[in-house]
Amino acid sequence: MEERALEEQAVDGLSEEALSSVLQRMERAVRGMCPTWMADRRDDLVQVAVMRVMEISRKGEKSRNFNASYLWRAAHSAMIDEIRRMRRRNEVELEESSASDDPQWVSDRASPERRAESRYLASELQDCLRGLAGSRKQAVTLHLQGYSPAESAPLLGWATKKVYNLVHRGLQDLRDCLDGKGIRP
């Protein structure tokens, strides 16, 4: 009950304690829903969501209930807006992660041997991706991130059939490269 009173106080006067409470709850909400591939943007998402709540407060909507459900929806909305913005700007990260970072598919509870093997495979895969022709690299990278050719086509500004062909040929080039390095499924 005391936490709820702090939230309502945050709306009315945005005291330091109330703002701190809203910020902590927003951080928990974003951390709980944010996909791993957006982990580097979590702090930004929290700030955007808190700014939205503060803007509503400044507009004088004191009757609005800023409970946990509302804060979660604000965080979710900020995350969806960021994903849409990234897609509009065709943001695709191709940079290598540092050697200490484990690939996304590796569990935190994986053995050290499994982690080392996964880092090695990720490094070799990135090396082969860098060797692909520019258009194939873009199409295959989006494919590996889960985009279908129909979703990738508008992002890249190409016809769906072209993206499909580039993905098909790019994946074959990727398999050939990995096979040449002795990596097989």
N, C-alpha and C. Protein backbone atom coordinates (compact mmCIF):
# COMPACT_ATOMS: atom_id res chain seq x y z
N MET A 1 0.82 -1.19 0.00
CA MET A 1 0.00 0.00 0.00
C MET A 1 0.87 1.26 0.00
N GLU A 2 1.98 1.21 0.75
CA GLU A 2 2.87 2.36 0.83
C GLU A 2 3.49 2.66 -0.54
N GLU A 3 3.80 1.60 -1.31
CA GLU A 3 4.38 1.78 -2.63
C GLU A 3 3.38 2.47 -3.57
N ARG A 4 2.14 2.09 -3.46
CA ARG A 4 1.10 2.71 -4.28
C ARG A 4 0.95 4.19 -3.93
N ALA A 5 1.02 4.52 -2.65
CA ALA A 5 0.93 5.92 -2.22
C ALA A 5 2.09 6.72 -2.81
N LEU A 6 3.28 6.10 -2.85
CA LEU A 6 4.43 6.78 -3.45
C LEU A 6 4.21 7.04 -4.93
N GLU A 7 3.60 6.06 -5.63
CA GLU A 7 3.33 6.25 -7.05
C GLU A 7 2.37 7.40 -7.27
N GLU A 8 1.30 7.47 -6.46
CA GLU A 8 0.33 8.54 -6.61
C GLU A 8 0.97 9.88 -6.27
N GLN A 9 1.86 9.89 -5.29
CA GLN A 9 2.57 11.11 -4.93
C GLN A 9 3.48 11.54 -6.09
N ALA A 10 4.05 10.55 -6.80
CA ALA A 10 4.92 10.85 -7.94
C ALA A 10 4.16 11.59 -9.02
N VAL A 11 2.90 11.24 -9.17
CA VAL A 11 2.10 11.90 -10.18
C VAL A 11 1.82 13.34 -9.76
N ASP A 12 1.45 13.54 -8.49
CA ASP A 12 1.08 14.87 -8.02
C ASP A 12 2.25 15.82 -7.97
N GLY A 13 3.32 15.42 -7.29
CA GLY A 13 4.42 16.35 -7.09
C GLY A 13 5.73 15.87 -7.64
N LEU A 14 5.83 14.65 -8.06
CA LEU A 14 7.07 14.05 -8.52
C LEU A 14 8.20 14.29 -7.52
N SER A 15 7.95 13.91 -6.28
CA SER A 15 8.99 14.02 -5.26
C SER A 15 10.13 13.09 -5.64
N GLU A 16 11.25 13.30 -5.01
CA GLU A 16 12.43 12.50 -5.32
C GLU A 16 12.21 11.02 -5.00
N GLU A 17 11.58 10.76 -3.86
CA GLU A 17 11.31 9.36 -3.48
C GLU A 17 10.35 8.71 -4.47
N ALA A 18 9.31 9.44 -4.84
CA ALA A 18 8.31 8.90 -5.75
C ALA A 18 8.92 8.64 -7.13
N LEU A 19 9.72 9.59 -7.59
CA LEU A 19 10.36 9.42 -8.89
C LEU A 19 11.31 8.23 -8.86
N SER A 20 12.02 8.05 -7.77
CA SER A 20 12.91 6.91 -7.60
C SER A 20 12.14 5.60 -7.66
N SER A 21 10.98 5.58 -7.01
CA SER A 21 10.14 4.38 -7.02
C SER A 21 9.66 4.06 -8.43
N VAL A 22 9.19 5.08 -9.14
CA VAL A 22 8.72 4.88 -10.52
C VAL A 22 9.87 4.39 -11.39
N LEU A 23 11.04 4.98 -11.21
CA LEU A 23 12.21 4.59 -12.00
C LEU A 23 12.59 3.13 -11.74
N GLN A 24 12.60 2.70 -10.49
CA GLN A 24 12.93 1.32 -10.16
C GLN A 24 11.92 0.35 -10.77
N ARG A 25 10.65 0.68 -10.67
CA ARG A 25 9.61 -0.20 -11.22
C ARG A 25 9.71 -0.26 -12.74
N MET A 26 10.04 0.87 -13.36
CA MET A 26 10.17 0.91 -14.81
C MET A 26 11.38 0.07 -15.25
N GLU A 27 12.47 0.15 -14.49
CA GLU A 27 13.66 -0.65 -14.81
C GLU A 27 13.33 -2.14 -14.74
N ARG A 28 12.58 -2.55 -13.72
CA ARG A 28 12.17 -3.95 -13.61
C ARG A 28 11.29 -4.37 -14.78
N ALA A 29 10.38 -3.51 -15.16
CA ALA A 29 9.47 -3.83 -16.27
C ALA A 29 10.25 -3.98 -17.58
N VAL A 30 11.15 -3.05 -17.85
CA VAL A 30 11.92 -3.11 -19.10
C VAL A 30 12.85 -4.32 -19.10
N ARG A 31 13.51 -4.57 -17.98
CA ARG A 31 14.42 -5.72 -17.89
C ARG A 31 13.66 -7.02 -18.12
N GLY A 32 12.43 -7.10 -17.64
CA GLY A 32 11.64 -8.32 -17.78
C GLY A 32 11.12 -8.57 -19.18
N MET A 33 10.93 -7.52 -19.97
CA MET A 33 10.33 -7.72 -21.29
C MET A 33 11.28 -7.48 -22.45
N CYS A 34 12.40 -6.87 -22.22
CA CYS A 34 13.32 -6.50 -23.30
C CYS A 34 14.05 -7.72 -23.84
N PRO A 35 14.00 -7.93 -25.17
CA PRO A 35 14.74 -9.07 -25.75
C PRO A 35 16.25 -8.87 -25.62
N THR A 36 16.99 -9.96 -25.62
CA THR A 36 18.44 -9.88 -25.42
C THR A 36 19.13 -9.07 -26.51
N TRP A 37 18.60 -9.07 -27.72
CA TRP A 37 19.26 -8.33 -28.79
C TRP A 37 19.09 -6.83 -28.64
N MET A 38 18.27 -6.40 -27.68
CA MET A 38 18.11 -4.97 -27.40
C MET A 38 18.70 -4.60 -26.04
N ALA A 39 19.49 -5.47 -25.45
CA ALA A 39 20.02 -5.24 -24.10
C ALA A 39 20.80 -3.94 -24.00
N ASP A 40 21.48 -3.54 -25.06
CA ASP A 40 22.26 -2.31 -25.02
C ASP A 40 21.39 -1.06 -25.02
N ARG A 41 20.10 -1.22 -25.24
CA ARG A 41 19.19 -0.07 -25.28
C ARG A 41 18.25 -0.02 -24.08
N ARG A 42 18.45 -0.88 -23.11
CA ARG A 42 17.54 -0.94 -21.95
C ARG A 42 17.48 0.38 -21.19
N ASP A 43 18.62 0.98 -20.92
CA ASP A 43 18.62 2.24 -20.17
C ASP A 43 17.85 3.33 -20.93
N ASP A 44 18.04 3.36 -22.24
CA ASP A 44 17.32 4.34 -23.05
C ASP A 44 15.82 4.11 -23.00
N LEU A 45 15.42 2.84 -23.04
CA LEU A 45 13.99 2.52 -22.98
C LEU A 45 13.39 2.96 -21.65
N VAL A 46 14.12 2.74 -20.57
CA VAL A 46 13.64 3.16 -19.25
C VAL A 46 13.46 4.68 -19.23
N GLN A 47 14.43 5.40 -19.75
CA GLN A 47 14.35 6.85 -19.74
C GLN A 47 13.17 7.35 -20.57
N VAL A 48 12.97 6.77 -21.73
CA VAL A 48 11.85 7.18 -22.58
C VAL A 48 10.53 6.93 -21.88
N ALA A 49 10.39 5.76 -21.27
CA ALA A 49 9.14 5.42 -20.59
C ALA A 49 8.89 6.34 -19.40
N VAL A 50 9.93 6.63 -18.61
CA VAL A 50 9.77 7.53 -17.46
C VAL A 50 9.43 8.93 -17.94
N MET A 51 10.03 9.37 -19.02
CA MET A 51 9.72 10.70 -19.56
C MET A 51 8.26 10.77 -20.00
N ARG A 52 7.73 9.70 -20.56
CA ARG A 52 6.32 9.68 -20.94
C ARG A 52 5.42 9.82 -19.72
N VAL A 53 5.76 9.12 -18.66
CA VAL A 53 4.98 9.22 -17.42
C VAL A 53 5.06 10.63 -16.86
N MET A 54 6.26 11.21 -16.87
CA MET A 54 6.42 12.57 -16.35
C MET A 54 5.65 13.58 -17.20
N GLU A 55 5.62 13.38 -18.51
CA GLU A 55 4.89 14.28 -19.41
C GLU A 55 3.39 14.24 -19.11
N ILE A 56 2.87 13.04 -18.89
CA ILE A 56 1.45 12.90 -18.54
C ILE A 56 1.20 13.63 -17.22
N SER A 57 2.11 13.49 -16.28
CA SER A 57 1.98 14.16 -14.99
C SER A 57 1.99 15.67 -15.14
N ARG A 58 2.89 16.18 -15.99
CA ARG A 58 2.99 17.62 -16.20
C ARG A 58 1.75 18.20 -16.88
N LYS A 59 1.11 17.40 -17.72
CA LYS A 59 -0.09 17.88 -18.42
C LYS A 59 -1.26 18.06 -17.48
N GLY A 60 -1.07 17.61 -16.25
CA GLY A 60 -2.11 17.84 -15.25
C GLY A 60 -3.14 16.73 -15.14
N GLU A 61 -2.83 15.57 -15.66
CA GLU A 61 -3.76 14.44 -15.55
C GLU A 61 -3.56 13.78 -14.20
N LYS A 62 -3.89 14.49 -13.15
CA LYS A 62 -3.67 14.00 -11.79
C LYS A 62 -4.62 12.87 -11.43
N SER A 63 -5.70 12.76 -12.17
CA SER A 63 -6.66 11.70 -11.87
C SER A 63 -6.19 10.36 -12.43
N ARG A 64 -5.21 10.39 -13.32
CA ARG A 64 -4.72 9.14 -13.92
C ARG A 64 -4.05 8.29 -12.86
N ASN A 65 -4.29 6.99 -12.91
CA ASN A 65 -3.73 6.05 -11.94
C ASN A 65 -2.43 5.48 -12.51
N PHE A 66 -1.29 5.80 -11.90
CA PHE A 66 0.01 5.34 -12.35
C PHE A 66 0.43 4.10 -11.57
N ASN A 67 -0.38 3.05 -11.68
CA ASN A 67 -0.07 1.81 -10.96
C ASN A 67 0.93 0.98 -11.76
N ALA A 68 1.24 -0.20 -11.26
CA ALA A 68 2.24 -1.07 -11.91
C ALA A 68 1.81 -1.44 -13.32
N SER A 69 0.54 -1.67 -13.52
CA SER A 69 0.04 -2.03 -14.84
C SER A 69 0.26 -0.90 -15.84
N TYR A 70 0.00 0.33 -15.43
CA TYR A 70 0.22 1.47 -16.31
C TYR A 70 1.70 1.63 -16.64
N LEU A 71 2.55 1.48 -15.63
CA LEU A 71 3.99 1.61 -15.86
C LEU A 71 4.49 0.52 -16.79
N TRP A 72 3.96 -0.70 -16.65
CA TRP A 72 4.36 -1.79 -17.55
C TRP A 72 3.94 -1.46 -18.97
N ARG A 73 2.73 -0.94 -19.15
CA ARG A 73 2.26 -0.59 -20.50
C ARG A 73 3.11 0.52 -21.10
N ALA A 74 3.51 1.48 -20.28
CA ALA A 74 4.38 2.56 -20.77
C ALA A 74 5.73 2.00 -21.23
N ALA A 75 6.29 1.08 -20.46
CA ALA A 75 7.57 0.45 -20.83
C ALA A 75 7.41 -0.37 -22.11
N HIS A 76 6.33 -1.10 -22.20
CA HIS A 76 6.06 -1.92 -23.39
C HIS A 76 5.91 -1.04 -24.62
N SER A 77 5.19 0.04 -24.48
CA SER A 77 4.99 0.96 -25.59
C SER A 77 6.32 1.56 -26.05
N ALA A 78 7.17 1.94 -25.11
CA ALA A 78 8.48 2.50 -25.45
C ALA A 78 9.33 1.47 -26.20
N MET A 79 9.27 0.21 -25.76
CA MET A 79 10.05 -0.84 -26.41
C MET A 79 9.55 -1.08 -27.84
N ILE A 80 8.24 -1.16 -28.03
CA ILE A 80 7.67 -1.38 -29.37
C ILE A 80 8.02 -0.22 -30.29
N ASP A 81 7.93 1.00 -29.79
CA ASP A 81 8.30 2.17 -30.60
C ASP A 81 9.76 2.12 -31.02
N GLU A 82 10.64 1.67 -30.13
CA GLU A 82 12.07 1.57 -30.46
C GLU A 82 12.30 0.49 -31.52
N ILE A 83 11.62 -0.63 -31.41
CA ILE A 83 11.76 -1.69 -32.42
C ILE A 83 11.31 -1.17 -33.78
N ARG A 84 10.18 -0.48 -33.80
CA ARG A 84 9.69 0.08 -35.08
C ARG A 84 10.67 1.10 -35.64
N ARG A 85 11.23 1.93 -34.78
CA ARG A 85 12.20 2.92 -35.23
C ARG A 85 13.43 2.24 -35.83
N MET A 86 13.89 1.17 -35.18
CA MET A 86 15.05 0.45 -35.68
C MET A 86 14.75 -0.15 -37.06
N ARG A 87 13.57 -0.69 -37.22
CA ARG A 87 13.21 -1.29 -38.51
C ARG A 87 13.09 -0.23 -39.59
N ARG A 88 12.55 0.93 -39.26
CA ARG A 88 12.43 2.01 -40.24
C ARG A 88 13.80 2.48 -40.70
N ARG A 89 14.75 2.52 -39.78
CA ARG A 89 16.10 3.00 -40.10
C ARG A 89 17.00 1.89 -40.61
N ASN A 90 16.47 0.68 -40.75
CA ASN A 90 17.24 -0.47 -41.24
C ASN A 90 18.47 -0.73 -40.39
N GLU A 91 18.34 -0.60 -39.08
CA GLU A 91 19.48 -0.82 -38.19
C GLU A 91 19.71 -2.32 -38.03
N VAL A 92 20.85 -2.76 -38.50
CA VAL A 92 21.26 -4.15 -38.35
C VAL A 92 22.70 -4.14 -37.89
N GLU A 93 22.94 -4.68 -36.72
CA GLU A 93 24.29 -4.67 -36.19
C GLU A 93 25.08 -5.85 -36.73
N LEU A 94 26.21 -5.55 -37.34
CA LEU A 94 27.08 -6.58 -37.88
C LEU A 94 28.42 -6.64 -37.15
N GLU A 95 28.58 -5.78 -36.15
CA GLU A 95 29.85 -5.71 -35.45
C GLU A 95 30.04 -6.93 -34.57
N GLU A 96 31.29 -7.27 -34.39
CA GLU A 96 31.63 -8.38 -33.51
C GLU A 96 31.38 -8.00 -32.06
N SER A 97 31.00 -8.98 -31.29
CA SER A 97 30.92 -8.75 -29.86
C SER A 97 32.30 -9.02 -29.29
N SER A 98 32.53 -8.54 -28.09
CA SER A 98 33.85 -8.75 -27.49
C SER A 98 34.05 -10.23 -27.20
N ALA A 99 35.27 -10.64 -27.06
CA ALA A 99 35.59 -12.06 -26.88
C ALA A 99 34.97 -12.63 -25.61
N SER A 100 34.71 -11.79 -24.61
CA SER A 100 34.14 -12.30 -23.37
C SER A 100 32.63 -12.46 -23.44
N ASP A 101 31.98 -11.88 -24.45
CA ASP A 101 30.53 -11.99 -24.58
C ASP A 101 30.17 -13.33 -25.20
N ASP A 102 29.22 -14.02 -24.56
CA ASP A 102 28.74 -15.27 -25.11
C ASP A 102 27.64 -14.98 -26.12
N PRO A 103 27.54 -15.80 -27.18
CA PRO A 103 26.44 -15.63 -28.13
C PRO A 103 25.10 -15.77 -27.44
N GLN A 104 24.06 -15.22 -28.06
CA GLN A 104 22.72 -15.21 -27.47
C GLN A 104 22.18 -16.60 -27.18
N TRP A 105 22.57 -17.58 -27.97
CA TRP A 105 21.98 -18.90 -27.84
C TRP A 105 22.59 -19.72 -26.70
N VAL A 106 23.60 -19.19 -26.03
CA VAL A 106 24.27 -19.93 -24.97
C VAL A 106 23.62 -19.59 -23.63
N SER A 107 23.25 -20.61 -22.91
CA SER A 107 22.64 -20.44 -21.60
C SER A 107 23.67 -19.92 -20.61
N ASP A 108 23.19 -19.17 -19.63
CA ASP A 108 24.08 -18.68 -18.57
C ASP A 108 24.64 -19.84 -17.75
N ARG A 109 23.93 -20.97 -17.78
CA ARG A 109 24.34 -22.13 -17.00
C ARG A 109 25.19 -23.12 -17.81
N ALA A 110 25.56 -22.75 -19.03
CA ALA A 110 26.34 -23.65 -19.87
C ALA A 110 27.74 -23.84 -19.28
N SER A 111 28.32 -24.98 -19.58
CA SER A 111 29.67 -25.28 -19.09
C SER A 111 30.69 -24.36 -19.77
N PRO A 112 31.85 -24.18 -19.17
CA PRO A 112 32.89 -23.35 -19.79
C PRO A 112 33.30 -23.86 -21.17
N GLU A 113 33.31 -25.19 -21.34
CA GLU A 113 33.67 -25.75 -22.64
C GLU A 113 32.64 -25.37 -23.69
N ARG A 114 31.36 -25.45 -23.32
CA ARG A 114 30.27 -25.11 -24.25
C ARG A 114 30.33 -23.62 -24.61
N ARG A 115 30.64 -22.80 -23.63
CA ARG A 115 30.74 -21.36 -23.89
C ARG A 115 31.89 -21.05 -24.85
N ALA A 116 33.05 -21.70 -24.61
CA ALA A 116 34.21 -21.48 -25.48
C ALA A 116 33.91 -21.96 -26.90
N GLU A 117 33.26 -23.11 -27.02
CA GLU A 117 32.91 -23.63 -28.33
C GLU A 117 31.93 -22.69 -29.04
N SER A 118 30.98 -22.16 -28.31
CA SER A 118 30.00 -21.25 -28.90
C SER A 118 30.65 -19.96 -29.35
N ARG A 119 31.59 -19.43 -28.56
CA ARG A 119 32.30 -18.22 -28.97
C ARG A 119 33.11 -18.48 -30.24
N TYR A 120 33.74 -19.66 -30.30
CA TYR A 120 34.52 -20.02 -31.49
C TYR A 120 33.60 -20.10 -32.72
N LEU A 121 32.48 -20.79 -32.58
CA LEU A 121 31.54 -20.92 -33.70
C LEU A 121 31.00 -19.55 -34.13
N ALA A 122 30.67 -18.70 -33.16
CA ALA A 122 30.17 -17.36 -33.48
C ALA A 122 31.23 -16.55 -34.22
N SER A 123 32.48 -16.68 -33.80
CA SER A 123 33.58 -15.97 -34.46
C SER A 123 33.75 -16.45 -35.91
N GLU A 124 33.71 -17.76 -36.10
CA GLU A 124 33.85 -18.30 -37.45
C GLU A 124 32.66 -17.92 -38.33
N LEU A 125 31.48 -17.92 -37.76
CA LEU A 125 30.28 -17.53 -38.51
C LEU A 125 30.37 -16.06 -38.92
N GLN A 126 30.81 -15.19 -38.01
CA GLN A 126 30.98 -13.78 -38.35
C GLN A 126 32.03 -13.59 -39.42
N ASP A 127 33.10 -14.38 -39.35
CA ASP A 127 34.15 -14.31 -40.37
C ASP A 127 33.59 -14.68 -41.74
N CYS A 128 32.78 -15.74 -41.79
CA CYS A 128 32.18 -16.15 -43.05
C CYS A 128 31.16 -15.12 -43.54
N LEU A 129 30.41 -14.52 -42.61
CA LEU A 129 29.44 -13.48 -42.99
C LEU A 129 30.15 -12.28 -43.62
N ARG A 130 31.30 -11.91 -43.04
CA ARG A 130 32.06 -10.78 -43.60
C ARG A 130 32.52 -11.07 -45.03
N GLY A 131 32.71 -12.33 -45.36
CA GLY A 131 33.17 -12.71 -46.69
C GLY A 131 32.08 -12.72 -47.74
N LEU A 132 30.83 -12.60 -47.34
CA LEU A 132 29.73 -12.60 -48.30
C LEU A 132 29.67 -11.27 -49.05
N ALA A 133 29.13 -11.32 -50.27
CA ALA A 133 28.91 -10.09 -51.04
C ALA A 133 27.93 -9.21 -50.28
N GLY A 134 28.02 -7.90 -50.43
CA GLY A 134 27.24 -6.93 -49.68
C GLY A 134 25.75 -7.22 -49.61
N SER A 135 25.11 -7.43 -50.76
CA SER A 135 23.66 -7.65 -50.76
C SER A 135 23.31 -8.99 -50.12
N ARG A 136 24.11 -10.01 -50.36
CA ARG A 136 23.86 -11.31 -49.73
C ARG A 136 24.06 -11.22 -48.22
N LYS A 137 25.07 -10.47 -47.80
CA LYS A 137 25.35 -10.32 -46.37
C LYS A 137 24.15 -9.68 -45.67
N GLN A 138 23.59 -8.64 -46.26
CA GLN A 138 22.44 -7.96 -45.66
C GLN A 138 21.24 -8.90 -45.57
N ALA A 139 20.95 -9.60 -46.66
CA ALA A 139 19.78 -10.50 -46.68
C ALA A 139 19.96 -11.66 -45.71
N VAL A 140 21.14 -12.25 -45.67
CA VAL A 140 21.40 -13.39 -44.78
C VAL A 140 21.38 -12.93 -43.32
N THR A 141 21.94 -11.76 -43.03
CA THR A 141 21.95 -11.26 -41.66
C THR A 141 20.52 -11.07 -41.15
N LEU A 142 19.67 -10.48 -41.96
CA LEU A 142 18.27 -10.33 -41.56
C LEU A 142 17.59 -11.69 -41.39
N HIS A 143 17.92 -12.62 -42.27
CA HIS A 143 17.36 -13.98 -42.17
C HIS A 143 17.78 -14.64 -40.86
N LEU A 144 19.05 -14.50 -40.50
CA LEU A 144 19.55 -15.10 -39.27
C LEU A 144 18.96 -14.42 -38.03
N GLN A 145 18.50 -13.19 -38.17
CA GLN A 145 17.85 -12.50 -37.06
C GLN A 145 16.36 -12.81 -36.98
N GLY A 146 15.86 -13.64 -37.91
CA GLY A 146 14.48 -14.08 -37.82
C GLY A 146 13.52 -13.41 -38.79
N TYR A 147 14.01 -12.58 -39.67
CA TYR A 147 13.15 -11.92 -40.64
C TYR A 147 12.89 -12.84 -41.83
N SER A 148 11.66 -12.86 -42.29
CA SER A 148 11.33 -13.61 -43.50
C SER A 148 11.68 -12.74 -44.71
N PRO A 149 11.78 -13.34 -45.90
CA PRO A 149 12.04 -12.51 -47.09
C PRO A 149 10.99 -11.42 -47.29
N ALA A 150 9.73 -11.72 -46.97
CA ALA A 150 8.66 -10.72 -47.11
C ALA A 150 8.86 -9.56 -46.14
N GLU A 151 9.39 -9.82 -44.94
CA GLU A 151 9.65 -8.76 -43.97
C GLU A 151 10.93 -8.00 -44.33
N SER A 152 11.90 -8.69 -44.89
CA SER A 152 13.19 -8.07 -45.22
C SER A 152 13.10 -7.18 -46.45
N ALA A 153 12.25 -7.54 -47.40
CA ALA A 153 12.17 -6.81 -48.66
C ALA A 153 11.91 -5.31 -48.47
N PRO A 154 10.89 -4.91 -47.70
CA PRO A 154 10.69 -3.46 -47.53
C PRO A 154 11.83 -2.78 -46.78
N LEU A 155 12.45 -3.50 -45.85
CA LEU A 155 13.57 -2.92 -45.10
C LEU A 155 14.76 -2.62 -46.01
N LEU A 156 14.98 -3.52 -46.98
CA LEU A 156 16.12 -3.37 -47.88
C LEU A 156 15.78 -2.61 -49.15
N GLY A 157 14.47 -2.46 -49.42
CA GLY A 157 14.05 -1.76 -50.63
C GLY A 157 14.15 -2.62 -51.88
N TRP A 158 14.05 -3.92 -51.72
CA TRP A 158 14.14 -4.85 -52.84
C TRP A 158 12.85 -5.66 -52.96
N ALA A 159 12.71 -6.35 -54.08
CA ALA A 159 11.57 -7.24 -54.28
C ALA A 159 11.75 -8.48 -53.39
N THR A 160 10.63 -9.06 -52.98
CA THR A 160 10.66 -10.24 -52.12
C THR A 160 11.42 -11.38 -52.78
N LYS A 161 11.20 -11.58 -54.07
CA LYS A 161 11.88 -12.67 -54.79
C LYS A 161 13.40 -12.46 -54.79
N LYS A 162 13.84 -11.22 -54.95
CA LYS A 162 15.27 -10.93 -54.91
C LYS A 162 15.84 -11.29 -53.55
N VAL A 163 15.14 -10.90 -52.48
CA VAL A 163 15.61 -11.21 -51.12
C VAL A 163 15.66 -12.72 -50.93
N TYR A 164 14.62 -13.42 -51.38
CA TYR A 164 14.59 -14.88 -51.26
C TYR A 164 15.80 -15.50 -51.95
N ASN A 165 16.10 -15.06 -53.17
CA ASN A 165 17.25 -15.60 -53.91
C ASN A 165 18.57 -15.26 -53.22
N LEU A 166 18.69 -14.02 -52.72
CA LEU A 166 19.92 -13.63 -52.03
C LEU A 166 20.13 -14.44 -50.75
N VAL A 167 19.05 -14.69 -50.02
CA VAL A 167 19.16 -15.50 -48.81
C VAL A 167 19.56 -16.92 -49.18
N HIS A 168 18.91 -17.49 -50.19
CA HIS A 168 19.21 -18.87 -50.60
C HIS A 168 20.68 -19.01 -51.01
N ARG A 169 21.14 -18.10 -51.87
CA ARG A 169 22.52 -18.17 -52.34
C ARG A 169 23.51 -17.82 -51.22
N GLY A 170 23.14 -16.84 -50.39
CA GLY A 170 24.01 -16.45 -49.29
C GLY A 170 24.18 -17.55 -48.27
N LEU A 171 23.09 -18.26 -47.95
CA LEU A 171 23.20 -19.38 -47.01
C LEU A 171 24.06 -20.50 -47.58
N GLN A 172 23.96 -20.73 -48.90
CA GLN A 172 24.82 -21.74 -49.52
C GLN A 172 26.29 -21.32 -49.42
N ASP A 173 26.56 -20.04 -49.68
CA ASP A 173 27.93 -19.53 -49.54
C ASP A 173 28.42 -19.67 -48.09
N LEU A 174 27.52 -19.40 -47.15
CA LEU A 174 27.86 -19.52 -45.74
C LEU A 174 28.17 -20.96 -45.37
N ARG A 175 27.34 -21.90 -45.85
CA ARG A 175 27.60 -23.33 -45.59
C ARG A 175 28.93 -23.75 -46.19
N ASP A 176 29.21 -23.30 -47.42
CA ASP A 176 30.48 -23.66 -48.08
C ASP A 176 31.68 -23.11 -47.30
N CYS A 177 31.55 -21.88 -46.82
CA CYS A 177 32.63 -21.27 -46.04
C CYS A 177 32.88 -22.04 -44.75
N LEU A 178 31.80 -22.33 -44.03
CA LEU A 178 31.92 -23.07 -42.76
C LEU A 178 32.44 -24.48 -43.02
N ASP A 179 32.00 -25.11 -44.11
CA ASP A 179 32.47 -26.44 -44.45
C ASP A 179 33.97 -26.41 -44.74
N GLY A 180 34.43 -25.34 -45.40
CA GLY A 180 35.86 -25.18 -45.68
C GLY A 180 36.68 -25.00 -44.42
N LYS A 181 36.05 -24.57 -43.33
CA LYS A 181 36.73 -24.40 -42.04
C LYS A 181 36.58 -25.66 -41.18
N GLY A 182 35.91 -26.67 -41.74
CA GLY A 182 35.74 -27.91 -41.01
C GLY A 182 34.57 -27.90 -40.03
N ILE A 183 33.67 -26.94 -40.19
CA ILE A 183 32.50 -26.84 -39.30
C ILE A 183 31.29 -27.36 -40.04
N ARG A 184 30.73 -28.41 -39.49
CA ARG A 184 29.55 -29.03 -40.10
C ARG A 184 28.47 -29.18 -39.03
N PRO A 185 27.19 -29.21 -39.47
CA PRO A 185 26.11 -29.37 -38.48
C PRO A 185 26.16 -30.68 -37.74
